[in-house]
C-alpha cells in the first residue's frame, strides 16, 4: 500500500444528548469536542463502506538496536485503505458525571462494556456506551474492518485515574481501584487495543507551550509512576491539545529521550514524517466542531457524508 494513511481521534461519546445540553457549565465544550453515540455509529459504518480498515499503528515502523526508526512496507488486502483510530482522555473525568456519558469500562463475561448511569439513576451495563465496545462489536460483525486484529490506541492521562477508575495515588482508595482496573486493561490489550501516554496532567501549559523542562520531567515521571505500571510500557506520546513541539525544540527531544519515540499531534493535513530516531503524525479530530464547521474536509478525506 502506497497511498495516504489516515489517523482519526475521538473523545468519549455522549449517550444522552439531553443531559449534555442541560449541563450548562460544560455544554459548549461537549458540542465542540464530543459527538454522540448515534453519530459515531454512522461514522464507523461509512468508514467501513468506504473500504477503510483498522490497523495497529505499530506495523508502520520498527526500530533497530541503536534506536533508529525504519518505515515498514505496508501490505493490505486489495482495495482497503489503512485507518488508525485513537481515543483521547478515556478517563471519565468527574466533570463529565452529569454530561450524559458512560461511567466507566467494565467486564461482562470477559468482554469490555460500558457501565452507564441512566438519567433515572439506574446503573446498567451496555455494549454501545462508548467507542471501545462499539468498535469491538462492529469488528465482530464485520471482521474485514480490522487488519490482523488491530483496533485502536487509548490515550490516558492519570490525574483522575484511568478508564473510570480513580487509580491516582492521591486517592485513599487507590489500591482497590488499581486492582479493579487491571482485568479491564488486560482484556483491552488482548482484544487489539494499545495504550499511549497523553501526559499525566493535561495541563494548560501544554496548550500555551509554556511548559518548562522541569514541569515536563515531573509530568513524565508521574505518568511512568502511576499509569505505566497499570498498562505496561508504551513508546507512544499523544500530545495534550495536540502538542508534540516543533522539530528542534528541546522539549520534543526530552519526550523522545524518555522513551516516547512515536508522537501524535492534531491536524487535518495528514502530516506524517519519519525522523532518524522518532516518528510524528497528525490526527484528524472527529468532533462536533469538525462536523459543523468543515464537513467538506471529512468527505474529501474520508468519504464521510454529514447530513
Protein backbone atom coordinates (compact mmCIF):
# COMPACT_ATOMS: atom_id res chain seq x y z
CA UNK A 1 0.00 0.00 0.00
CA UNK A 2 1.44 3.38 -1.01
CA UNK A 3 -1.45 5.80 -0.53
CA UNK A 4 -2.25 8.12 2.38
CA UNK A 5 -2.51 6.73 5.89
CA UNK A 6 -5.35 8.30 7.83
CA UNK A 7 -5.43 8.75 11.60
CA UNK A 8 -8.56 9.98 13.35
CA UNK A 9 -9.40 10.50 17.00
CA UNK A 10 -12.41 10.82 19.25
CA UNK A 11 -13.22 11.72 22.81
CA UNK A 12 -15.80 9.83 24.89
CA UNK A 13 -19.22 9.62 23.29
CA UNK A 14 -22.38 11.30 24.52
CA UNK A 15 -25.09 8.73 25.25
CA UNK A 16 -27.79 11.13 26.43
CA UNK A 17 -27.64 14.40 24.43
CA UNK A 18 -30.38 15.93 26.54
CA UNK A 19 -28.16 15.65 29.62
CA UNK A 20 -25.19 17.16 27.79
CA UNK A 21 -27.33 20.12 26.74
CA UNK A 22 -28.54 20.79 30.28
CA UNK A 23 -25.02 20.67 31.78
CA UNK A 24 -24.71 24.44 31.38
CA UNK A 25 -21.14 24.63 32.64
CA UNK A 26 -19.80 22.21 30.04
CA UNK A 27 -22.40 22.14 27.25
CA UNK A 28 -20.41 24.27 24.81
CA UNK A 29 -17.33 22.08 25.26
CA UNK A 30 -19.38 18.96 24.67
CA UNK A 31 -20.74 20.46 21.44
CA UNK A 32 -17.24 21.29 20.18
CA UNK A 33 -15.16 18.32 21.33
CA UNK A 34 -17.53 15.38 21.56
CA UNK A 35 -20.03 13.57 19.36
CA UNK A 36 -22.95 11.30 20.20
CA UNK A 37 -23.17 7.54 20.13
CA UNK A 38 -25.59 7.77 17.20
CA UNK A 39 -23.18 9.97 15.21
CA UNK A 40 -20.26 7.65 15.89
CA UNK A 41 -22.20 4.62 14.68
CA UNK A 42 -22.96 6.41 11.42
CA UNK A 43 -19.32 7.43 11.02
CA UNK A 44 -17.96 3.93 11.63
CA UNK A 45 -20.42 2.46 9.14
CA UNK A 46 -19.46 4.99 6.47
CA UNK A 47 -15.76 4.36 7.05
CA UNK A 48 -16.37 0.65 6.56
CA UNK A 49 -18.47 1.26 3.45
CA UNK A 50 -15.63 3.40 2.05
CA UNK A 51 -13.17 0.47 2.38
CA UNK A 52 -11.18 1.69 5.35
CA UNK A 53 -9.64 -0.99 7.55
CA UNK A 54 -8.35 -0.59 11.10
CA UNK A 55 -4.65 -1.20 11.57
CA UNK A 56 -2.39 -1.35 14.58
CA UNK A 57 -0.14 1.69 14.08
CA UNK A 58 2.85 -0.31 15.30
CA UNK A 59 3.03 -2.11 11.94
CA UNK A 60 4.10 1.14 10.29
CA UNK A 61 7.56 1.26 11.86
CA UNK A 62 10.34 -0.68 13.56
CA UNK A 63 13.45 0.25 15.50
CA UNK A 64 16.92 -1.22 15.15
CA UNK A 65 19.25 -1.97 18.06
CA UNK A 66 20.70 1.53 18.02
CA UNK A 67 17.26 3.11 18.33
CA UNK A 68 16.96 4.28 14.73
CA UNK A 69 13.47 4.10 13.26
CA UNK A 70 12.64 2.42 9.99
CA UNK A 71 9.44 2.78 7.97
CA UNK A 72 7.98 -0.63 7.19
CA UNK A 73 6.31 -1.56 3.95
CA UNK A 74 2.57 -1.86 4.42
CA UNK A 75 0.63 -4.70 2.82
CA UNK A 76 -3.16 -4.74 2.96
CA UNK A 77 -5.98 -6.65 1.30
CA UNK A 78 -6.60 -5.28 -2.18
CA UNK A 79 -8.83 -2.20 -2.23
CA UNK A 80 -8.51 -1.49 1.50
CA UNK A 81 -7.29 1.82 2.94
CA UNK A 82 -5.50 1.94 6.33
CA UNK A 83 -7.09 3.73 9.25
CA UNK A 84 -5.76 4.39 12.74
CA UNK A 85 -8.21 5.31 15.49
CA UNK A 86 -7.15 6.83 18.78
CA UNK A 87 -9.20 7.81 21.82
CA UNK A 88 -8.16 10.80 23.91
CA UNK A 89 -8.79 11.03 27.67
CA UNK A 90 -10.54 7.69 28.19
CA UNK A 91 -10.75 8.51 31.87
CA UNK A 92 -14.38 9.53 32.51
CA UNK A 93 -13.42 12.68 34.37
CA UNK A 94 -15.54 13.81 37.30
CA UNK A 95 -16.75 16.87 35.39
CA UNK A 96 -18.45 14.55 32.87
CA UNK A 97 -20.68 12.95 35.52
CA UNK A 98 -23.79 14.93 34.53
CA UNK A 99 -22.99 15.18 30.82
CA UNK A 100 -24.68 12.02 29.59
CA UNK A 101 -21.56 9.87 29.28
CA UNK A 102 -20.73 6.36 30.43
CA UNK A 103 -19.47 5.97 33.99
CA UNK A 104 -16.59 3.56 33.37
CA UNK A 105 -15.50 0.47 31.44
CA UNK A 106 -16.35 -2.91 32.97
CA UNK A 107 -16.05 -6.59 32.11
CA UNK A 108 -19.13 -8.63 31.30
CA UNK A 109 -18.33 -12.32 30.72
CA UNK A 110 -14.82 -11.31 29.72
CA UNK A 111 -15.98 -8.65 27.24
CA UNK A 112 -15.29 -4.95 27.80
CA UNK A 113 -18.52 -2.98 28.02
CA UNK A 114 -19.70 0.32 29.48
CA UNK A 115 -21.28 0.91 32.84
CA UNK A 116 -23.88 3.63 32.43
CA UNK A 117 -25.94 5.55 34.94
CA UNK A 118 -29.24 6.38 33.27
CA UNK A 119 -31.00 9.74 33.68
CA UNK A 120 -33.32 7.94 36.10
CA UNK A 121 -30.35 6.98 38.28
CA UNK A 122 -30.22 3.27 37.37
CA UNK A 123 -26.88 1.56 36.74
CA UNK A 124 -26.82 -0.61 33.62
CA UNK A 125 -24.15 -2.34 31.52
CA UNK A 126 -24.29 -1.75 27.76
CA UNK A 127 -22.28 -2.69 24.68
CA UNK A 128 -22.65 0.68 22.98
CA UNK A 129 -21.86 3.32 25.59
CA UNK A 130 -18.55 4.44 24.10
CA UNK A 131 -16.10 3.91 21.26
CA UNK A 132 -14.41 0.75 22.62
CA UNK A 133 -17.44 -1.57 22.87
CA UNK A 134 -18.97 -0.16 19.68
CA UNK A 135 -15.80 -0.83 17.68
CA UNK A 136 -15.38 -4.26 19.27
CA UNK A 137 -18.92 -5.23 18.37
CA UNK A 138 -18.63 -3.80 14.85
CA UNK A 139 -15.44 -5.76 14.19
CA UNK A 140 -17.12 -8.93 15.46
CA UNK A 141 -19.91 -8.35 12.93
CA UNK A 142 -17.53 -7.15 10.18
CA UNK A 143 -14.18 -8.94 10.65
CA UNK A 144 -12.76 -7.38 7.49
CA UNK A 145 -12.89 -3.96 9.15
CA UNK A 146 -9.82 -4.95 11.21
CA UNK A 147 -6.49 -5.96 9.71
CA UNK A 148 -4.79 -8.66 11.78
CA UNK A 149 -6.88 -7.78 14.82
CA UNK A 150 -5.98 -4.09 15.05
CA UNK A 151 -8.42 -1.83 16.92
CA UNK A 152 -7.02 1.49 18.13
CA UNK A 153 -4.94 3.48 20.62
CA UNK A 154 -6.23 4.53 24.03
CA UNK A 155 -4.54 7.73 25.25
CA UNK A 156 -4.52 8.10 29.03
CA UNK A 157 -3.82 10.85 31.49
CA UNK A 158 -3.52 9.95 35.18
CA UNK A 159 -4.52 12.80 37.46
CA UNK A 160 -8.04 11.37 37.86
CA UNK A 161 -7.15 7.76 37.16
CA UNK A 162 -7.90 5.72 34.04
CA UNK A 163 -10.92 4.11 32.36
CA UNK A 164 -13.28 5.37 35.06
CA UNK A 165 -11.26 4.03 37.99
CA UNK A 166 -9.70 6.52 40.41
CA UNK A 167 -6.26 4.96 40.33
CA UNK A 168 -4.31 8.15 41.13
CA UNK A 169 -2.11 7.56 44.14
CA UNK A 170 -3.58 10.56 45.99
CA UNK A 171 -6.91 8.72 46.19
CA UNK A 172 -7.27 6.89 49.53
CA UNK A 173 -8.98 4.02 47.66
CA UNK A 174 -6.25 3.91 45.03
CA UNK A 175 -5.08 0.37 45.78
CA UNK A 176 -8.55 -1.13 45.35
CA UNK A 177 -9.17 0.91 42.21
CA UNK A 178 -5.84 -0.14 40.69
CA UNK A 179 -6.61 -3.79 41.39
CA UNK A 180 -10.08 -3.42 39.84
CA UNK A 181 -8.85 -1.83 36.60
CA UNK A 182 -6.16 -4.41 35.74
CA UNK A 183 -8.55 -7.03 34.29
CA UNK A 184 -10.05 -4.29 32.09
CA UNK A 185 -6.62 -3.29 30.81
CA UNK A 186 -5.67 -6.90 30.09
CA UNK A 187 -8.92 -7.53 28.21
CA UNK A 188 -8.42 -4.41 26.10
CA UNK A 189 -4.88 -5.42 25.17
CA UNK A 190 -5.99 -8.98 24.37
CA UNK A 191 -8.70 -7.67 22.04
CA UNK A 192 -6.35 -5.50 19.97
CA UNK A 193 -6.26 -2.13 21.74
CA UNK A 194 -2.98 -0.45 22.63
CA UNK A 195 -2.15 2.40 25.03
CA UNK A 196 -0.41 5.77 24.87
CA UNK A 197 0.82 8.50 27.20
CA UNK A 198 -1.43 11.56 26.92
CA UNK A 199 0.54 13.34 29.67
CA UNK A 200 -0.29 12.89 33.34
CA UNK A 201 -1.78 16.32 33.95
CA UNK A 202 -3.12 17.54 30.57
CA UNK A 203 -2.22 20.95 31.93
CA UNK A 204 -2.88 24.22 30.11
CA UNK A 205 0.87 24.83 29.93
CA UNK A 206 0.91 22.32 27.08
CA UNK A 207 -1.69 24.33 25.19
CA UNK A 208 0.15 27.61 25.84
CA UNK A 209 3.51 25.97 25.01
CA UNK A 210 4.90 27.47 28.22
CA UNK A 211 5.70 24.17 29.92
CA UNK A 212 9.26 24.15 31.23
CA UNK A 213 11.72 21.27 31.07
CA UNK A 214 11.28 20.70 34.82
CA UNK A 215 7.49 20.66 34.54
CA UNK A 216 7.65 18.25 31.63
CA UNK A 217 10.04 16.00 33.53
CA UNK A 218 7.68 15.87 36.52
CA UNK A 219 4.71 15.12 34.26
CA UNK A 220 6.53 12.26 32.55
CA UNK A 221 7.77 10.93 35.90
CA UNK A 222 4.28 10.88 37.39
CA UNK A 223 2.86 9.14 34.31
CA UNK A 224 5.56 6.48 34.48
CA UNK A 225 5.00 6.03 38.22
CA UNK A 226 1.19 5.97 38.29
CA UNK A 227 -0.06 4.89 34.84
CA UNK A 228 2.66 2.79 33.23
CA UNK A 229 2.56 0.11 35.96
CA UNK A 230 -1.12 -0.42 35.10
CA UNK A 231 -0.95 -0.53 31.31
CA UNK A 232 2.62 -1.61 30.67
CA UNK A 233 5.34 0.21 28.71
CA UNK A 234 4.50 2.22 25.62
CA UNK A 235 6.61 4.34 23.28
CA UNK A 236 3.65 6.43 22.09
CA UNK A 237 3.04 10.01 23.22
CA UNK A 238 -0.24 11.60 22.12
CA UNK A 239 0.22 15.27 22.79
CA UNK A 240 -2.29 17.02 25.05
CA UNK A 241 -4.02 19.68 22.96
CA UNK A 242 -2.10 18.15 20.05
CA UNK A 243 1.23 19.45 21.39
CA UNK A 244 4.24 17.50 20.14
CA UNK A 245 6.54 20.56 19.95
CA UNK A 246 8.39 21.68 16.87
CA UNK A 247 11.38 19.93 15.37
CA UNK A 248 14.47 21.15 17.20
CA UNK A 249 12.56 22.06 20.37
CA UNK A 250 14.44 20.59 23.33
CA UNK A 251 11.13 19.56 24.89
CA UNK A 252 10.40 17.22 21.99
CA UNK A 253 13.82 15.66 22.48
CA UNK A 254 13.05 15.36 26.19
CA UNK A 255 9.96 13.30 25.39
CA UNK A 256 11.94 11.14 22.96
CA UNK A 257 14.73 10.61 25.48
CA UNK A 258 12.09 9.43 27.98
CA UNK A 259 11.26 6.60 25.60
CA UNK A 260 8.31 8.06 23.68
CA UNK A 261 9.52 7.91 20.10
CA UNK A 262 6.13 7.88 18.38
CA UNK A 263 4.43 11.28 18.63
CA UNK A 264 0.88 12.02 17.53
CA UNK A 265 -0.47 15.57 17.22
CA UNK A 266 -3.63 17.11 15.76
CA UNK A 267 -4.29 18.30 12.24
CA UNK A 268 -6.36 17.58 9.15
CA UNK A 269 -3.28 17.92 6.95
CA UNK A 270 -2.29 14.24 7.03
CA UNK A 271 1.22 15.18 8.18
CA UNK A 272 3.45 12.16 8.72
CA UNK A 273 7.24 12.22 8.94
CA UNK A 274 9.94 9.75 9.91
CA UNK A 275 12.97 11.27 11.59
CA UNK A 276 16.15 9.37 12.43
CA UNK A 277 15.01 8.37 15.91
CA UNK A 278 11.29 9.17 16.06
CA UNK A 279 8.05 9.36 14.10
CA UNK A 280 5.47 12.17 14.07
CA UNK A 281 1.94 12.00 12.71
CA UNK A 282 -1.09 14.27 12.89
CA UNK A 283 -4.58 13.02 13.64
CA UNK A 284 -7.86 14.39 12.32
CA UNK A 285 -10.32 15.40 15.03
CA UNK A 286 -13.76 13.88 14.56
CA UNK A 287 -15.81 16.06 16.87
CA UNK A 288 -18.74 18.45 16.93
CA UNK A 289 -16.66 21.36 15.70
CA UNK A 290 -15.42 19.40 12.70
CA UNK A 291 -18.87 18.09 11.80
CA UNK A 292 -20.38 21.57 11.82
CA UNK A 293 -17.52 23.74 10.53
CA UNK A 294 -15.74 21.71 7.86
CA UNK A 295 -17.81 18.73 6.77
CA UNK A 296 -16.40 19.04 3.24
CA UNK A 297 -12.96 18.08 4.52
CA UNK A 298 -14.42 14.92 6.08
CA UNK A 299 -15.99 14.00 2.77
CA UNK A 300 -12.83 14.75 0.80
CA UNK A 301 -10.51 12.71 3.00
CA UNK A 302 -12.78 10.01 4.37
CA UNK A 303 -15.94 9.94 2.27
CA UNK A 304 -17.97 10.88 5.34
CA UNK A 305 -21.28 12.47 4.44
CA UNK A 306 -22.54 14.84 7.13
CA UNK A 307 -26.28 15.33 6.84
